[in-house]
Protein backbone atom coordinates (compact mmCIF):
# COMPACT_ATOMS: atom_id res chain seq x y z
CA MET A 1 106.34 126.81 81.04
CA HIS A 2 109.59 126.26 79.12
CA ILE A 3 109.68 127.26 75.43
CA SER A 4 109.82 124.06 74.24
CA SER A 5 106.40 122.84 75.40
CA TYR A 6 104.41 125.98 74.59
CA GLU A 7 105.90 125.33 70.59
CA HIS A 8 104.27 120.85 71.51
CA MET A 9 100.75 122.71 72.35
CA GLN A 10 100.87 125.62 69.71
CA ASP A 11 101.63 122.38 66.79
CA LEU A 12 98.84 119.98 69.34
CA ALA A 13 96.36 122.48 68.22
CA ALA A 14 97.45 123.35 64.45
CA ARG A 15 96.71 119.64 63.31
CA TYR A 16 93.99 118.51 65.46
CA LEU A 17 91.17 121.28 66.52
CA ASP A 18 88.53 122.56 63.68
CA ARG A 19 89.59 126.39 63.82
CA ASP A 20 85.80 126.58 62.13
CA ARG A 21 84.17 124.64 64.94
CA ALA A 22 82.53 126.28 67.75
CA LEU A 23 85.17 124.41 70.52
CA SER A 24 85.09 124.33 74.27
CA ILE A 25 88.11 123.79 76.00
CA VAL A 26 89.46 123.64 79.62
CA ASP A 27 93.14 124.05 81.06
CA ILE A 28 94.11 122.17 84.09
CA GLY A 29 97.18 123.43 85.22
CA ALA A 30 97.03 127.04 83.69
CA ALA A 31 98.33 129.56 86.48
CA ASP A 32 100.84 131.84 84.08
CA VAL A 33 104.02 130.99 85.38
CA ASN A 34 107.08 132.38 83.06
CA GLY A 35 103.75 131.84 80.11
CA SER A 36 100.62 130.25 78.97
CA TYR A 37 99.31 127.88 76.89
CA ARG A 38 95.76 130.90 75.96
CA PRO A 39 96.41 132.72 73.81
CA LEU A 40 97.02 129.38 71.32
CA PHE A 41 93.03 129.39 72.10
CA ASP A 42 92.67 132.28 71.62
CA HIS A 43 89.64 132.01 68.69
CA PRO A 44 86.48 133.47 67.76
CA GLY A 45 83.99 130.16 68.81
CA TRP A 46 86.22 128.46 71.07
CA ARG A 47 85.95 129.11 74.49
CA TYR A 48 89.00 128.77 76.98
CA THR A 49 88.90 128.38 80.78
CA GLY A 50 91.81 127.83 82.52
CA VAL A 51 91.70 126.21 86.69
CA ASP A 52 94.46 125.83 88.98
CA LEU A 53 94.45 125.82 92.63
CA GLU A 54 95.18 128.99 93.74
CA ALA A 55 93.85 132.70 91.71
CA GLY A 56 96.12 134.26 89.66
CA ALA A 57 96.69 135.42 85.90
CA GLY A 58 95.70 132.83 83.78
CA VAL A 59 93.49 131.51 86.42
CA ASP A 60 89.51 131.41 85.84
CA VAL A 61 88.29 128.76 88.14
CA VAL A 62 90.27 127.70 91.27
CA LEU A 63 89.43 124.63 92.43
CA SER A 64 89.58 123.00 96.05
CA SER A 65 91.18 119.88 94.90
CA PRO A 66 93.08 118.94 92.16
CA TYR A 67 91.17 115.31 91.83
CA ARG A 68 87.78 117.13 90.44
CA LEU A 69 86.42 118.76 88.51
CA PRO A 70 83.68 121.72 88.59
CA MET A 71 82.58 120.74 85.23
CA ALA A 72 79.50 118.00 84.06
CA THR A 73 79.71 114.59 82.90
CA ARG A 74 80.61 114.38 79.02
CA SER A 75 80.49 118.78 78.30
CA THR A 76 84.26 119.41 76.85
CA ASP A 77 85.75 118.68 73.32
CA VAL A 78 89.06 119.25 74.37
CA VAL A 79 91.20 118.92 77.85
CA ILE A 80 94.70 120.45 78.10
CA SER A 81 97.53 120.09 80.38
CA GLY A 82 100.70 120.83 80.01
CA GLN A 83 103.99 121.06 83.20
CA ALA A 84 101.39 119.96 85.60
CA PHE A 85 101.14 116.62 86.49
CA GLU A 86 104.71 116.07 87.70
CA HIS A 87 103.15 118.24 91.19
CA ILE A 88 100.23 116.29 91.43
CA GLU A 89 101.03 113.33 93.61
CA TYR A 90 98.24 111.16 92.52
CA PHE A 91 97.62 112.19 88.75
CA TRP A 92 96.03 109.30 87.79
CA MET A 93 92.96 110.65 89.90
CA THR A 94 92.77 113.96 88.03
CA TRP A 95 93.26 112.01 85.09
CA LEU A 96 90.13 109.71 85.34
CA GLU A 97 88.37 113.49 86.04
CA MET A 98 89.55 114.86 82.74
CA LEU A 99 88.01 112.04 81.15
CA ARG A 100 84.93 112.58 83.07
CA VAL A 101 84.26 115.43 81.74
CA LEU A 102 84.79 114.68 77.44
CA LYS A 103 82.23 114.65 75.35
CA PRO A 104 82.74 111.14 73.76
CA GLY A 105 85.16 111.42 70.40
CA GLY A 106 87.05 114.46 72.42
CA HIS A 107 90.83 115.32 72.50
CA VAL A 108 92.77 115.37 75.95
CA PHE A 109 96.24 117.14 75.23
CA LEU A 110 98.38 115.88 77.45
CA ILE A 111 102.51 117.51 78.42
CA ALA A 112 104.46 116.53 81.12
CA PRO A 113 108.27 116.28 81.50
CA SER A 114 109.90 113.27 80.51
CA ARG A 115 113.77 115.09 82.07
CA GLY A 116 114.55 119.24 84.67
CA TYR A 117 115.05 119.77 87.35
CA GLU A 118 113.65 120.07 90.80
CA HIS A 119 110.82 122.80 91.06
CA ARG A 120 108.34 122.46 93.91
CA TYR A 121 105.66 123.83 92.61
CA PRO A 122 104.62 122.92 95.42
CA GLN A 123 105.66 119.94 95.18
CA ASP A 124 108.07 118.07 92.47
CA CYS A 125 107.05 114.31 92.13
CA TRP A 126 107.43 112.28 88.69
CA ARG A 127 108.97 112.23 85.39
CA PHE A 128 106.88 110.42 82.85
CA TYR A 129 108.10 108.42 79.16
CA PRO A 130 106.03 107.40 76.91
CA ASP A 131 104.67 103.93 78.63
CA ALA A 132 103.28 106.37 81.49
CA TRP A 133 100.56 107.57 78.48
CA ARG A 134 99.59 104.51 76.88
CA ALA A 135 99.30 102.96 81.08
CA LEU A 136 97.08 106.83 81.46
CA ALA A 137 95.37 105.31 78.04
CA LYS A 138 94.53 101.43 79.22
CA PHE A 139 93.49 103.05 82.93
CA GLY A 140 90.98 105.79 81.05
CA ALA A 141 89.62 103.75 78.40
CA CYS A 142 90.61 105.65 75.16
CA GLU A 143 93.11 105.53 72.66
CA LEU A 144 95.92 106.75 72.30
CA LEU A 145 96.46 108.74 68.98
CA GLU A 146 100.38 109.57 69.77
CA VAL A 147 103.10 109.72 71.79
CA HIS A 148 106.34 110.84 71.91
CA THR A 149 109.01 111.78 74.08
CA ASP A 150 112.14 114.91 73.75
CA TRP A 151 114.96 112.62 74.24
CA GLY A 152 117.68 115.63 72.60
CA ALA A 153 118.02 118.64 73.83
CA HIS A 154 115.97 122.30 72.81
CA HIS A 155 117.82 124.91 71.12
CA ASP A 156 116.38 127.48 73.93
CA PRO A 157 118.72 127.60 76.41
CA SER A 158 115.47 128.62 79.17
CA SER A 159 114.65 124.71 77.17
CA SER A 160 117.77 123.08 77.20
CA ASP A 161 117.29 120.95 80.43
CA TRP A 162 113.66 119.67 80.32
CA GLY A 163 112.33 117.12 78.14
CA ASP A 164 108.79 116.68 77.51
CA THR A 165 106.11 113.35 76.59
CA VAL A 166 103.95 114.75 74.32
CA GLY A 167 100.52 112.85 74.04
CA VAL A 168 97.59 113.00 71.99
CA PHE A 169 94.53 111.09 73.24
CA ARG A 170 90.95 110.50 71.93
CA LYS A 171 87.97 109.50 74.31
CA PRO A 172 85.91 106.72 72.27
CA PRO A 173 82.24 106.72 72.54
CA MET A 174 81.32 103.82 75.43
CA ARG A 175 78.64 101.55 76.39
CA TRP A 176 76.24 102.23 79.78
CA TYR A 177 77.81 99.55 81.58
CA ASP A 178 81.34 100.46 80.80
CA ARG A 179 80.17 104.13 82.11
CA PHE A 180 79.15 102.40 84.53
CA ARG A 181 81.93 100.27 85.36
CA ARG A 182 84.45 103.21 84.71
CA ASN A 183 82.60 105.55 87.34
CA VAL A 184 81.85 103.21 90.12
CA GLY A 185 85.53 102.52 90.03
CA ALA A 186 86.75 106.08 89.86
CA PHE A 187 84.26 106.30 93.13
CA GLY A 188 86.41 104.19 94.77
CA LEU A 189 89.61 105.07 94.13
CA ARG A 190 88.62 108.49 95.31
CA LEU A 191 87.66 106.98 98.63
CA LEU A 192 90.72 106.07 99.24
CA VAL A 193 92.50 108.90 98.09
CA GLU A 194 90.50 110.74 100.43
CA ASP A 195 90.62 109.25 103.02
CA ARG A 196 94.72 109.11 102.64
CA ILE A 197 94.39 112.89 102.78
CA ALA A 198 93.27 116.18 104.59
CA LEU A 199 92.26 118.28 101.50
CA PRO A 200 88.84 120.75 102.68
CA GLY A 201 85.88 119.72 100.47
CA THR A 202 87.07 116.71 99.13
CA ARG A 203 85.82 114.02 101.72
CA VAL A 204 82.65 112.11 99.56
CA PRO A 205 79.68 112.00 102.57
């Protein structure tokens, strides 16, 4: 993790999260690779859960698939992810899962590179600009509260090659039939994706 990414997440947590309220926080792609967001959420009353595809430092829950989260629907106050989406082949499927587990009124903090050298972990597929986050907001039927991209170089040498696109999303309350339509659509997309990849434990009967 480059320093600028940590600073972005630190800023979002400070501006959007109520330190007097109990919060559940899920971090997608939480493995400690040169850094972790975990210290930012080490606060009394906050419960942080780091998830990733492999066991290791910073990981509380190991996933069998990047497209399924083992959390109940509408169970989480905040979902965060930084420096992960570029490594996920079908990131829009992970996005729908993030919104599924998020409570109405909850927030997503999403950070991913807009530029930077190739770093395959295990693959490096994507770079993102503000319109990508606007598209995700439309796709997930949620509000995009803010988005910006680092166009200039960061002052720290370890971050100067990197730029990030940073977004904050809010999940609005949804009527039951809107939830039903989105869930049916997500199920169909998941079947389509799983028909094209061979990930153990992801086949829907």
